[in-house]
Protein backbone atom coordinates (compact mmCIF):
# COMPACT_ATOMS: atom_id res chain seq x y z
CA MET A 1 46.16 -5.31 119.99
CA SER A 2 45.83 -5.33 123.99
CA VAL A 3 42.58 -6.36 125.40
CA GLN A 4 42.22 -2.91 127.03
CA ALA A 5 42.85 -1.14 123.52
CA ASP A 6 40.64 -3.56 121.69
CA LEU A 7 37.65 -2.64 124.20
CA THR A 8 36.33 0.34 122.81
CA SER A 9 36.71 -0.77 119.23
CA HIS A 10 33.80 -3.26 119.42
CA ARG A 11 30.14 -2.71 119.71
CA GLN A 12 29.24 -3.66 123.27
CA PRO A 13 26.27 -5.99 123.62
CA PRO A 14 23.70 -4.97 126.25
CA HIS A 15 24.86 -5.27 129.64
CA ARG A 16 21.91 -7.19 130.71
CA ILE A 17 22.66 -9.99 128.06
CA TRP A 18 26.37 -10.25 129.80
CA HIS A 19 24.92 -10.19 133.34
CA ALA A 20 22.53 -13.24 132.52
CA GLY A 21 25.33 -14.99 130.88
CA VAL A 22 27.54 -14.37 133.86
CA VAL A 23 24.68 -15.90 136.43
CA ALA A 24 23.93 -18.64 134.25
CA PHE A 25 27.95 -19.48 134.08
CA LEU A 26 28.09 -19.54 137.99
CA ALA A 27 24.69 -21.58 138.12
CA ALA A 28 26.36 -24.05 135.91
CA TRP A 29 29.54 -24.05 137.43
CA TRP A 30 28.07 -24.88 140.85
CA LEU A 31 25.90 -27.66 139.59
CA VAL A 32 28.64 -29.33 137.78
CA TYR A 33 31.21 -28.77 140.84
CA ARG A 34 28.63 -30.53 143.16
CA TRP A 35 28.49 -33.66 140.99
CA LEU A 36 32.19 -33.98 140.57
CA VAL A 37 32.39 -36.93 143.08
CA PRO A 38 29.60 -38.96 141.45
CA PHE A 39 31.55 -38.28 138.16
CA SER A 40 34.70 -39.78 139.01
CA GLU A 41 32.90 -42.59 140.78
CA TRP A 42 31.27 -43.00 137.45
CA ILE A 43 34.12 -42.95 135.37
CA THR A 44 36.04 -45.24 137.82
CA GLY A 45 33.30 -47.66 137.41
CA LEU A 46 33.91 -48.04 133.84
CA VAL A 47 37.33 -49.29 134.29
CA PRO A 48 37.80 -53.02 135.02
CA VAL A 49 39.41 -52.68 138.56
CA ASP A 50 38.40 -52.81 141.98
CA ARG A 51 37.33 -49.54 143.37
CA HIS A 52 38.94 -50.13 146.63
CA SER A 53 42.29 -51.61 144.96
CA HIS A 54 45.35 -49.01 144.71
CA THR A 55 44.66 -48.65 141.13
CA GLY A 56 40.83 -47.65 141.71
CA GLU A 57 41.81 -45.26 144.47
CA ALA A 58 44.00 -43.49 142.26
CA ILE A 59 41.86 -43.45 139.02
CA ALA A 60 38.86 -41.90 141.29
CA PHE A 61 41.40 -39.36 142.90
CA PHE A 62 42.52 -38.20 139.40
CA PHE A 63 39.17 -37.78 137.69
CA TYR A 64 37.99 -35.85 140.88
CA ASP A 65 41.11 -33.33 141.54
CA VAL A 66 41.72 -32.37 137.58
CA PRO A 67 38.23 -31.02 137.06
CA LYS A 68 37.94 -29.61 140.52
CA VAL A 69 41.32 -27.66 140.24
CA MET A 70 40.66 -26.44 136.64
CA MET A 71 37.09 -25.20 137.67
CA LEU A 72 38.65 -23.50 140.70
CA LEU A 73 41.39 -21.88 138.52
CA ALA A 74 38.78 -20.46 135.89
CA LEU A 75 36.30 -19.20 138.64
CA ILE A 76 38.99 -17.54 140.55
CA VAL A 77 41.20 -15.97 137.83
CA PHE A 78 38.12 -14.62 136.14
CA ALA A 79 36.95 -13.32 139.37
CA MET A 80 40.25 -11.67 140.06
CA GLY A 81 40.44 -10.49 136.45
CA VAL A 82 37.08 -8.37 137.15
CA VAL A 83 38.24 -7.29 140.56
CA ARG A 84 41.61 -6.35 138.82
CA SER A 85 39.63 -3.65 136.61
CA PHE A 86 38.86 -1.57 139.65
CA PHE A 87 42.22 -1.04 140.79
CA SER A 88 45.09 -0.17 139.39
CA PRO A 89 48.25 -1.96 140.57
CA GLU A 90 49.40 1.14 142.58
CA LYS A 91 46.14 0.88 144.50
CA THR A 92 46.33 -2.68 145.26
CA ARG A 93 49.98 -2.53 146.14
CA ALA A 94 49.28 0.49 148.63
CA LEU A 95 46.60 -1.33 150.39
CA LEU A 96 48.39 -4.57 151.52
CA SER A 97 51.96 -3.45 151.51
CA GLY A 98 54.26 -1.73 153.59
CA LYS A 99 53.65 -1.35 157.31
CA ARG A 100 50.27 -3.33 156.56
CA GLU A 101 51.99 -6.04 155.07
CA GLY A 102 52.17 -7.91 158.59
CA VAL A 103 48.36 -7.48 158.89
CA GLY A 104 47.84 -8.66 155.37
CA ASN A 105 49.85 -11.79 156.16
CA VAL A 106 47.73 -12.35 159.13
CA MET A 107 44.53 -11.69 157.03
CA SER A 108 45.75 -14.19 154.32
CA ALA A 109 46.67 -17.06 156.65
CA SER A 110 43.23 -16.45 158.51
CA LEU A 111 41.27 -16.89 154.93
CA GLY A 112 43.44 -19.75 154.39
CA VAL A 113 42.16 -21.44 157.25
CA LEU A 114 38.68 -20.69 156.32
CA THR A 115 38.97 -22.27 152.75
CA PRO A 116 38.77 -25.91 152.66
CA PHE A 117 41.49 -26.18 149.60
CA CYS A 118 44.21 -29.02 149.31
CA SER A 119 47.52 -27.54 148.24
CA CYS A 120 47.00 -27.91 144.46
CA SER A 121 43.52 -26.37 144.81
CA ALA A 122 45.07 -23.49 146.69
CA VAL A 123 47.37 -22.75 143.58
CA PRO A 124 44.69 -20.85 141.46
CA LEU A 125 43.80 -18.56 144.17
CA PHE A 126 47.65 -17.93 144.77
CA ILE A 127 47.81 -16.83 141.11
CA GLY A 128 44.64 -14.52 141.34
CA PHE A 129 46.19 -13.01 144.38
CA VAL A 130 49.49 -12.52 142.27
CA SER A 131 47.89 -11.17 139.26
CA ALA A 132 45.97 -8.55 141.21
CA GLY A 133 49.31 -7.05 142.58
CA VAL A 134 49.10 -8.51 146.30
CA PRO A 135 52.58 -8.69 147.97
CA LEU A 136 54.17 -11.94 147.25
CA GLY A 137 54.61 -12.86 151.30
CA VAL A 138 50.90 -12.01 151.51
CA THR A 139 50.02 -14.63 148.82
CA PHE A 140 52.41 -17.16 150.15
CA SER A 141 50.83 -16.75 153.89
CA PHE A 142 47.29 -17.95 152.28
CA LEU A 143 49.08 -20.87 150.22
CA ILE A 144 50.66 -22.27 153.38
CA ALA A 145 47.44 -21.85 155.28
CA ALA A 146 44.97 -23.32 153.31
CA PRO A 147 46.03 -26.80 152.89
CA MET A 148 47.72 -26.95 155.95
CA VAL A 149 44.94 -26.05 158.52
CA ASN A 150 41.48 -25.95 158.09
CA GLU A 151 38.19 -26.67 160.03
CA VAL A 152 37.54 -30.19 158.76
CA ALA A 153 41.10 -31.00 159.66
CA LEU A 154 40.52 -29.44 163.23
CA VAL A 155 37.42 -31.02 163.74
CA LEU A 156 38.92 -34.67 162.68
CA LEU A 157 42.31 -33.97 164.70
CA PHE A 158 40.03 -33.11 168.00
CA GLY A 159 38.06 -36.18 167.52
CA LEU A 160 41.45 -38.27 167.12
CA VAL A 161 43.84 -36.66 169.67
CA GLY A 162 41.84 -33.94 171.69
CA TRP A 163 41.28 -30.25 171.81
CA MET A 164 44.59 -29.51 173.29
CA VAL A 165 46.69 -30.91 170.29
CA ALA A 166 43.93 -29.78 167.97
CA VAL A 167 44.15 -26.12 169.17
CA THR A 168 48.08 -26.41 169.61
CA TYR A 169 48.26 -27.66 165.77
CA LEU A 170 45.91 -24.61 164.83
CA VAL A 171 48.23 -22.07 166.42
CA PHE A 172 51.55 -23.32 164.97
CA GLY A 173 50.11 -23.83 161.65
CA LEU A 174 49.09 -20.32 161.53
CA ALA A 175 51.93 -19.08 163.02
CA ILE A 176 54.19 -20.86 160.28
CA ALA A 177 51.96 -19.48 157.54
CA ILE A 178 52.24 -15.96 158.89
CA VAL A 179 55.80 -15.99 159.62
CA ALA A 180 56.79 -17.73 156.39
CA GLY A 181 54.93 -15.26 154.24
CA PHE A 182 56.42 -12.56 156.07
CA VAL A 183 59.93 -13.58 155.69
CA ILE A 184 59.56 -14.53 151.99
CA GLY A 185 57.78 -10.71 151.78
CA LYS A 186 60.92 -9.31 153.44
CA LEU A 187 63.17 -10.92 151.08
CA ARG A 188 61.61 -8.93 148.19
CA LEU A 189 61.63 -12.27 145.80
CA GLU A 190 59.39 -10.67 143.35
CA GLY A 191 61.86 -10.49 140.79
CA TRP A 192 61.99 -14.72 141.08
CA LEU A 193 58.59 -14.89 139.86
CA GLN A 194 58.28 -16.30 136.38
CA ASP A 195 58.49 -13.41 133.73
CA TRP A 196 54.83 -13.87 132.50
CA VAL A 197 53.73 -13.82 136.38
CA ARG A 198 56.19 -10.80 137.00
CA ASP A 199 54.57 -9.01 134.15
CA ILE A 200 51.13 -9.55 135.56
CA HIS A 201 52.03 -8.75 139.02
CA SER A 202 53.96 -5.61 137.98
CA GLY A 203 50.84 -4.21 136.06
CA ALA A 204 52.09 -4.84 132.55
CA GLY A 205 49.15 -4.22 130.46
CA ILE A 206 46.65 -3.32 132.99
CA GLN A 207 45.05 0.26 132.81
CA GLN A 208 46.39 3.21 134.78
CA GLY A 209 45.23 6.02 136.47
CA ASN A 210 41.35 6.57 136.12
CA GLU A 211 41.05 4.48 133.41
CA SER A 212 39.34 1.65 135.66
CA ASP A 213 36.64 3.96 136.40
CA GLU A 214 35.81 4.25 132.54
CA LEU A 215 35.33 0.64 132.02
CA THR A 216 31.95 -0.77 131.50
CA TRP A 217 30.82 -4.04 133.37
CA VAL A 218 30.94 -5.72 129.83
CA ASP A 219 34.79 -4.51 129.44
CA ARG A 220 35.28 -5.82 133.11
CA TYR A 221 33.79 -9.48 132.06
CA ARG A 222 36.14 -9.36 129.16
CA LEU A 223 39.18 -8.83 131.23
CA GLY A 224 38.10 -11.63 133.12
CA ILE A 225 37.65 -13.98 130.06
CA GLU A 226 41.00 -12.87 128.75
CA ALA A 227 42.87 -13.59 132.12
CA VAL A 228 41.40 -17.08 132.11
CA ARG A 229 42.66 -17.72 128.63
CA GLU A 230 46.27 -16.49 129.26
CA ILE A 231 46.79 -18.34 132.42
CA PHE A 232 45.03 -21.62 131.33
CA ALA A 233 47.12 -21.77 128.42
CA LYS A 234 50.29 -21.58 130.42
CA VAL A 235 49.49 -24.18 133.52
CA TRP A 236 46.88 -26.45 132.35
CA MET A 237 49.45 -29.25 131.16
CA TRP A 238 51.44 -28.94 134.37
CA ILE A 239 48.07 -29.28 136.79
CA ILE A 240 47.19 -32.46 134.76
CA LEU A 241 50.57 -33.79 135.41
CA GLY A 242 51.17 -32.76 139.05
CA ILE A 243 47.52 -34.18 139.96
CA GLY A 244 48.41 -37.48 137.72
CA ILE A 245 51.45 -38.17 139.92
CA GLY A 246 49.57 -37.21 143.01
CA ALA A 247 46.84 -39.80 142.24
CA LEU A 248 49.25 -42.42 141.82
CA ILE A 249 50.94 -41.73 145.13
CA HIS A 250 47.66 -41.53 146.63
CA GLY A 251 46.68 -44.87 145.83
CA TYR A 252 49.93 -46.52 146.86
CA VAL A 253 50.85 -44.90 150.56
CA PRO A 254 53.05 -47.38 152.26
CA GLN A 255 51.97 -46.98 155.77
CA GLU A 256 53.74 -49.83 157.37
CA LEU A 257 56.98 -48.47 156.21
CA MET A 258 56.36 -44.90 157.47
CA ALA A 259 55.05 -46.01 160.81
CA ARG A 260 58.37 -48.37 161.37
CA ILE A 261 60.20 -44.84 160.32
CA MET A 262 58.36 -42.61 162.38
CA GLY A 263 58.04 -44.67 165.49
CA ALA A 264 62.19 -44.41 165.68
CA ASP A 265 63.42 -42.71 168.73
CA ALA A 266 66.04 -40.74 166.67
CA TRP A 267 66.51 -37.05 165.90
CA TRP A 268 66.36 -37.85 162.37
CA SER A 269 62.69 -39.33 162.53
CA VAL A 270 61.36 -35.79 162.02
CA PRO A 271 63.26 -34.81 159.06
CA ALA A 272 62.73 -38.40 157.40
CA ALA A 273 59.16 -37.85 157.88
CA ILE A 274 58.98 -34.55 155.98
CA VAL A 275 61.04 -35.99 153.10
CA ILE A 276 58.56 -38.92 152.74
CA GLY A 277 55.49 -36.71 153.04
CA ILE A 278 56.89 -34.29 150.20
CA PRO A 279 56.17 -36.74 147.31
CA MET A 280 52.62 -37.56 148.39
CA TYR A 281 49.43 -35.84 147.69
CA THR A 282 46.12 -35.67 149.76
CA ASN A 283 44.23 -32.67 151.64
CA ALA A 284 44.12 -32.42 155.15
CA ALA A 285 41.04 -34.06 155.70
CA GLY A 286 42.29 -37.01 153.57
CA VAL A 287 45.53 -37.57 155.39
CA ILE A 288 43.78 -37.87 158.66
CA PRO A 289 43.07 -41.64 158.50
CA ILE A 290 46.94 -42.03 157.44
CA VAL A 291 47.79 -40.26 160.84
CA GLU A 292 45.31 -42.30 162.63
CA ALA A 293 46.65 -45.48 161.19
CA LEU A 294 50.48 -44.23 162.14
CA LEU A 295 49.71 -43.37 165.83
CA GLY A 296 48.25 -46.51 166.22
CA LYS A 297 51.28 -48.45 165.13
CA GLY A 298 53.33 -46.41 167.53
CA ALA A 299 54.52 -43.26 165.73
CA ALA A 300 55.65 -40.22 167.73
CA LEU A 301 52.91 -37.51 167.55
CA GLY A 302 55.35 -34.61 166.37
CA THR A 303 56.90 -36.87 163.52
CA VAL A 304 53.57 -37.64 162.44
CA LEU A 305 51.97 -34.14 162.45
CA ALA A 306 55.47 -32.93 160.68
CA PHE A 307 54.49 -35.71 157.97
CA MET A 308 50.56 -34.41 157.84
CA MET A 309 52.03 -30.92 157.21
CA SER A 310 54.76 -31.63 154.66
CA VAL A 311 52.05 -33.84 152.74
CA ILE A 312 49.53 -31.20 152.39
CA ALA A 313 51.78 -27.99 152.24
CA LEU A 314 54.88 -29.19 150.33
CA SER A 315 53.50 -31.93 148.30
CA LEU A 316 55.48 -32.66 144.80
CA PRO A 317 52.11 -32.07 142.65
CA GLU A 318 52.14 -28.57 144.32
CA MET A 319 55.56 -28.17 143.40
CA ILE A 320 55.25 -28.95 139.81
CA ILE A 321 52.34 -26.45 139.39
CA LEU A 322 54.14 -23.81 141.32
CA ARG A 323 57.10 -24.31 138.92
CA GLN A 324 54.96 -22.78 136.18
CA VAL A 325 54.46 -19.68 138.33
CA LEU A 326 57.87 -19.61 140.30
CA THR A 327 61.29 -19.68 139.55
CA LEU A 328 63.36 -22.79 140.71
CA ARG A 329 65.13 -20.61 143.32
CA LEU A 330 61.99 -19.13 144.55
CA VAL A 331 60.43 -22.92 145.03
CA ALA A 332 63.45 -23.50 146.73
CA VAL A 333 63.13 -20.53 149.27
CA PHE A 334 59.40 -21.57 149.71
CA ILE A 335 60.13 -24.99 150.60
CA GLY A 336 63.29 -24.17 152.78
CA VAL A 337 61.23 -21.80 154.80
CA VAL A 338 58.06 -24.07 155.22
CA ALA A 339 60.26 -27.05 156.25
CA THR A 340 61.96 -25.21 158.65
CA GLY A 341 58.63 -24.18 160.50
CA ILE A 342 57.26 -27.87 160.01
CA LEU A 343 60.67 -29.12 161.59
CA ALA A 344 60.07 -27.06 164.74
CA VAL A 345 56.57 -27.97 165.06
CA GLY A 346 57.53 -31.49 165.04
CA TYR A 347 60.45 -31.48 167.60
CA LEU A 348 58.23 -29.11 169.99
CA PHE A 349 55.06 -31.73 169.81
CA ASN A 350 57.58 -34.56 170.52
CA ALA A 351 58.79 -32.60 173.52
CA ILE A 352 55.48 -31.50 174.60
CA PHE A 353 53.42 -34.69 174.14
């Protein structure tokens, strides 16, 4: 029996109890989220390793990022489940598709700049957008922009290499997100989503017509909880696996070797930097110290920025998690389109600066 059909068959508890429960949940969520860093440090301290060793860095990273991504996933999917109850799939697609798709890409990419998410943390909101029926290309604009360009990275980049480079990076980072999302949208690849995601995106099991107007707030909360339960069952294992791989790589970054490759005055240095960056995982703020170290060792600016973009927009852990949402063909298209834009930025920055 579907959730919608079951909603009317149960006696609803008082709305105020559910409202109070949701408020209490949000307050508890915020308190726990604020203590994730101390929690990860405490867990790491229980392990008999040096905190500043490669192993210590990897352990702290893992026990911070796993609960962070899980909590973001739960909160965002629940919120999008509630929001979906107000809009039929037809209304959502009419709002953000067709002639407004280009505007949707710009708005989505701009939202990504204002959200300080790493690549894996952006995936939950990507899933939420898809489940709400937002066009695929618009969701990809957010998925690319959120980790690649954010205010923390821009401030740190400004302090490291100056405002001209920082602003140029902002412009080209946004351009990659907008254009890549627009291109993916025009390719009409919704059929390349995983079957369960495609069913959600197409509106399977979602109320039609004016049914959304008949739902109570309790009904909407139930739909949000059901959305969390369904999506968590499909992706939680892969989130842990992806972040685990990222944590291992985060603790063992071979900066000396990368600096030698990126300092080479050869055409292949930019694509080589991208290939090296893809298996790694960190957020935009976390990669800035690596960028500083590489530049200090003589690496070319454009090559280093291409490496930075690939680390935070094309990370292997992100691809592992996305694989549970996208088919291999769509993952390949995503990598190809974004990598092409990053290549262009790398060569352009090397030519300009």
